[in-house]
Amino acid sequence: MHALRDSMQKRFEKAALAAAVLGGFFLFAGASSAQAHDRENCRRRVQRAGWKLEIVIERRGYYSPQADHWRHELREERERCWQEQERWREEGRRHRRHGRDWYDDDDRDER
């Protein structure tokens, strides 16, 4: 009877470990997918603003108020994209920094 219980407990432990590993995999895969999705959306927004600027310049002229508006929009989109990418980079740095319990900030100072 104890052998059957021990066998079932070992199976449960293996299944729990496999579920944890698989969950971690999906967590990190989802983060990468989200980053890729954000980068793609960002690229589209910048391209759209650039495209609108080109059209307005062709139709209204380089120094028109409409061209100034779309130049401003293009700068805003580029800035927003840069900030989003920097946020992802900082989250990655923070994860690497705190993800290792052996890492110590004082170690950097000694080098």
C-alpha atoms as a PDB file:
ATOM      1  CA  MET A   1       0.000   0.000   0.000  1.00  0.00           C
ATOM      2  CA  HIS A   2       2.821   2.391   0.846  1.00  0.00           C
ATOM      3  CA  ALA A   3       4.585   1.547  -2.420  1.00  0.00           C
ATOM      4  CA  LEU A   4       1.496   2.574  -4.400  1.00  0.00           C
ATOM      5  CA  ARG A   5       1.196   5.838  -2.439  1.00  0.00           C
ATOM      6  CA  ASP A   6       4.928   6.599  -2.934  1.00  0.00           C
ATOM      7  CA  SER A   7       4.639   5.881  -6.647  1.00  0.00           C
ATOM      8  CA  MET A   8       1.647   8.205  -6.999  1.00  0.00           C
ATOM      9  CA  GLN A   9       3.404  10.911  -4.993  1.00  0.00           C
ATOM     10  CA  LYS A  10       6.461  10.718  -7.273  1.00  0.00           C
ATOM     11  CA  ARG A  11       4.235  10.985 -10.336  1.00  0.00           C
ATOM     12  CA  PHE A  12       2.483  13.990  -8.844  1.00  0.00           C
ATOM     13  CA  GLU A  13       5.818  15.652  -8.078  1.00  0.00           C
ATOM     14  CA  LYS A  14       7.052  15.050 -11.630  1.00  0.00           C
ATOM     15  CA  ALA A  15       3.816  16.405 -13.084  1.00  0.00           C
ATOM     16  CA  ALA A  16       4.008  19.495 -10.843  1.00  0.00           C
ATOM     17  CA  LEU A  17       7.618  20.116 -11.882  1.00  0.00           C
ATOM     18  CA  ALA A  18       6.740  19.711 -15.560  1.00  0.00           C
ATOM     19  CA  ALA A  19       3.810  22.121 -15.174  1.00  0.00           C
ATOM     20  CA  ALA A  20       6.050  24.698 -13.480  1.00  0.00           C
ATOM     21  CA  VAL A  21       8.688  24.445 -16.213  1.00  0.00           C
ATOM     22  CA  LEU A  22       6.060  24.688 -18.937  1.00  0.00           C
ATOM     23  CA  GLY A  23       4.404  27.651 -17.214  1.00  0.00           C
ATOM     24  CA  GLY A  24       7.742  29.460 -17.011  1.00  0.00           C
ATOM     25  CA  PHE A  25       8.358  28.792 -20.671  1.00  0.00           C
ATOM     26  CA  PHE A  26       4.990  30.245 -21.654  1.00  0.00           C
ATOM     27  CA  LEU A  27       5.548  33.239 -19.394  1.00  0.00           C
ATOM     28  CA  PHE A  28       8.813  34.163 -21.109  1.00  0.00           C
ATOM     29  CA  ALA A  29       7.521  33.279 -24.568  1.00  0.00           C
ATOM     30  CA  GLY A  30       4.530  35.532 -23.958  1.00  0.00           C
ATOM     31  CA  ALA A  31       6.769  38.411 -22.908  1.00  0.00           C
ATOM     32  CA  SER A  32       8.831  38.097 -26.089  1.00  0.00           C
ATOM     33  CA  SER A  33       5.682  37.932 -28.157  1.00  0.00           C
ATOM     34  CA  ALA A  34       4.313  41.038 -26.448  1.00  0.00           C
ATOM     35  CA  GLN A  35       7.551  42.899 -27.120  1.00  0.00           C
ATOM     36  CA  ALA A  36       7.494  41.902 -30.779  1.00  0.00           C
ATOM     37  CA  HIS A  37       3.852  42.963 -31.052  1.00  0.00           C
ATOM     38  CA  ASP A  38       4.615  46.342 -29.455  1.00  0.00           C
ATOM     39  CA  ARG A  39       7.582  46.889 -31.775  1.00  0.00           C
ATOM     40  CA  GLU A  40       5.442  46.070 -34.811  1.00  0.00           C
ATOM     41  CA  ASN A  41       2.691  48.468 -33.707  1.00  0.00           C
ATOM     42  CA  CYS A  42       5.297  51.111 -33.067  1.00  0.00           C
ATOM     43  CA  ARG A  43       6.833  50.640 -36.499  1.00  0.00           C
ATOM     44  CA  ARG A  44       3.385  50.946 -38.117  1.00  0.00           C
ATOM     45  CA  ARG A  45       2.552  54.146 -36.233  1.00  0.00           C
ATOM     46  CA  VAL A  46       5.841  55.758 -37.266  1.00  0.00           C
ATOM     47  CA  GLN A  47       5.383  54.663 -40.877  1.00  0.00           C
ATOM     48  CA  ARG A  48       1.829  56.021 -40.941  1.00  0.00           C
ATOM     49  CA  ALA A  49       2.915  59.417 -39.609  1.00  0.00           C
ATOM     50  CA  GLY A  50       5.768  59.534 -42.134  1.00  0.00           C
ATOM     51  CA  TRP A  51       3.423  58.584 -44.950  1.00  0.00           C
ATOM     52  CA  LYS A  52       0.926  61.285 -43.919  1.00  0.00           C
ATOM     53  CA  LEU A  53       3.750  63.834 -43.815  1.00  0.00           C
ATOM     54  CA  GLU A  54       4.881  62.924 -47.338  1.00  0.00           C
ATOM     55  CA  ILE A  55       1.343  63.242 -48.704  1.00  0.00           C
ATOM     56  CA  VAL A  56       0.759  66.596 -47.036  1.00  0.00           C
ATOM     57  CA  ILE A  57       4.083  67.951 -48.311  1.00  0.00           C
ATOM     58  CA  GLU A  58       3.172  66.879 -51.864  1.00  0.00           C
ATOM     59  CA  ARG A  59      -0.279  68.464 -51.653  1.00  0.00           C
ATOM     60  CA  ARG A  60       0.224  71.515 -49.435  1.00  0.00           C
ATOM     61  CA  GLY A  61       3.955  72.225 -49.464  1.00  0.00           C
ATOM     62  CA  TYR A  62       6.900  71.687 -47.152  1.00  0.00           C
ATOM     63  CA  TYR A  63       6.236  74.777 -45.012  1.00  0.00           C
ATOM     64  CA  SER A  64       2.467  74.378 -44.711  1.00  0.00           C
ATOM     65  CA  PRO A  65       0.771  74.211 -41.298  1.00  0.00           C
ATOM     66  CA  GLN A  66      -0.427  70.694 -42.133  1.00  0.00           C
ATOM     67  CA  ALA A  67       3.165  69.582 -42.797  1.00  0.00           C
ATOM     68  CA  ASP A  68       4.237  71.106 -39.489  1.00  0.00           C
ATOM     69  CA  HIS A  69       1.454  69.157 -37.791  1.00  0.00           C
ATOM     70  CA  TRP A  70       2.557  65.824 -39.294  1.00  0.00           C
ATOM     71  CA  ARG A  71       6.235  66.535 -38.573  1.00  0.00           C
ATOM     72  CA  HIS A  72       5.183  67.023 -34.969  1.00  0.00           C
ATOM     73  CA  GLU A  73       3.146  63.788 -35.030  1.00  0.00           C
ATOM     74  CA  LEU A  74       6.099  61.897 -36.505  1.00  0.00           C
ATOM     75  CA  ARG A  75       8.419  63.193 -33.764  1.00  0.00           C
ATOM     76  CA  GLU A  76       5.836  62.236 -31.112  1.00  0.00           C
ATOM     77  CA  GLU A  77       5.504  58.690 -32.461  1.00  0.00           C
ATOM     78  CA  ARG A  78       9.269  58.232 -32.629  1.00  0.00           C
ATOM     79  CA  GLU A  79       9.621  59.493 -29.051  1.00  0.00           C
ATOM     80  CA  ARG A  80       6.807  57.224 -27.841  1.00  0.00           C
ATOM     81  CA  CYS A  81       8.436  54.224 -29.529  1.00  0.00           C
ATOM     82  CA  TRP A  82      11.812  55.042 -28.026  1.00  0.00           C
ATOM     83  CA  GLN A  83      10.258  55.279 -24.548  1.00  0.00           C
ATOM     84  CA  GLU A  84       8.408  51.969 -24.976  1.00  0.00           C
ATOM     85  CA  GLN A  85      11.577  50.214 -26.095  1.00  0.00           C
ATOM     86  CA  GLU A  86      13.532  51.757 -23.234  1.00  0.00           C
ATOM     87  CA  ARG A  87      10.853  50.533 -20.793  1.00  0.00           C
ATOM     88  CA  TRP A  88      11.270  46.961 -22.100  1.00  0.00           C
ATOM     89  CA  ARG A  89      15.055  47.254 -21.832  1.00  0.00           C
ATOM     90  CA  GLU A  90      14.834  48.533 -18.261  1.00  0.00           C
ATOM     91  CA  GLU A  91      12.474  45.716 -17.276  1.00  0.00           C
ATOM     92  CA  GLY A  92      14.961  43.238 -18.752  1.00  0.00           C
ATOM     93  CA  ARG A  93      17.830  44.845 -16.848  1.00  0.00           C
ATOM     94  CA  ARG A  94      15.835  44.808 -13.615  1.00  0.00           C
ATOM     95  CA  HIS A  95      14.921  41.149 -14.130  1.00  0.00           C
ATOM     96  CA  ARG A  96      18.542  40.176 -14.783  1.00  0.00           C
ATOM     97  CA  ARG A  97      19.738  42.242 -11.831  1.00  0.00           C
ATOM     98  CA  HIS A  98      17.241  40.815  -9.326  1.00  0.00           C
ATOM     99  CA  GLY A  99      16.886  37.393 -10.906  1.00  0.00           C
ATOM    100  CA  ARG A 100      20.280  36.274  -9.619  1.00  0.00           C
ATOM    101  CA  ASP A 101      20.626  36.078  -5.889  1.00  0.00           C
ATOM    102  CA  TRP A 102      24.417  35.737  -6.155  1.00  0.00           C
ATOM    103  CA  TYR A 103      24.782  39.075  -7.922  1.00  0.00           C
ATOM    104  CA  ASP A 104      25.907  41.931  -5.752  1.00  0.00           C
ATOM    105  CA  ASP A 105      26.142  45.569  -6.817  1.00  0.00           C
ATOM    106  CA  ASP A 106      29.369  45.906  -4.846  1.00  0.00           C
ATOM    107  CA  ASP A 107      31.013  43.341  -7.147  1.00  0.00           C
ATOM    108  CA  ARG A 108      30.936  45.866  -9.978  1.00  0.00           C
ATOM    109  CA  ASP A 109      32.786  48.453  -7.912  1.00  0.00           C
ATOM    110  CA  GLU A 110      35.701  46.120  -7.268  1.00  0.00           C
ATOM    111  CA  ARG A 111      36.494  45.604 -10.959  1.00  0.00           C
END
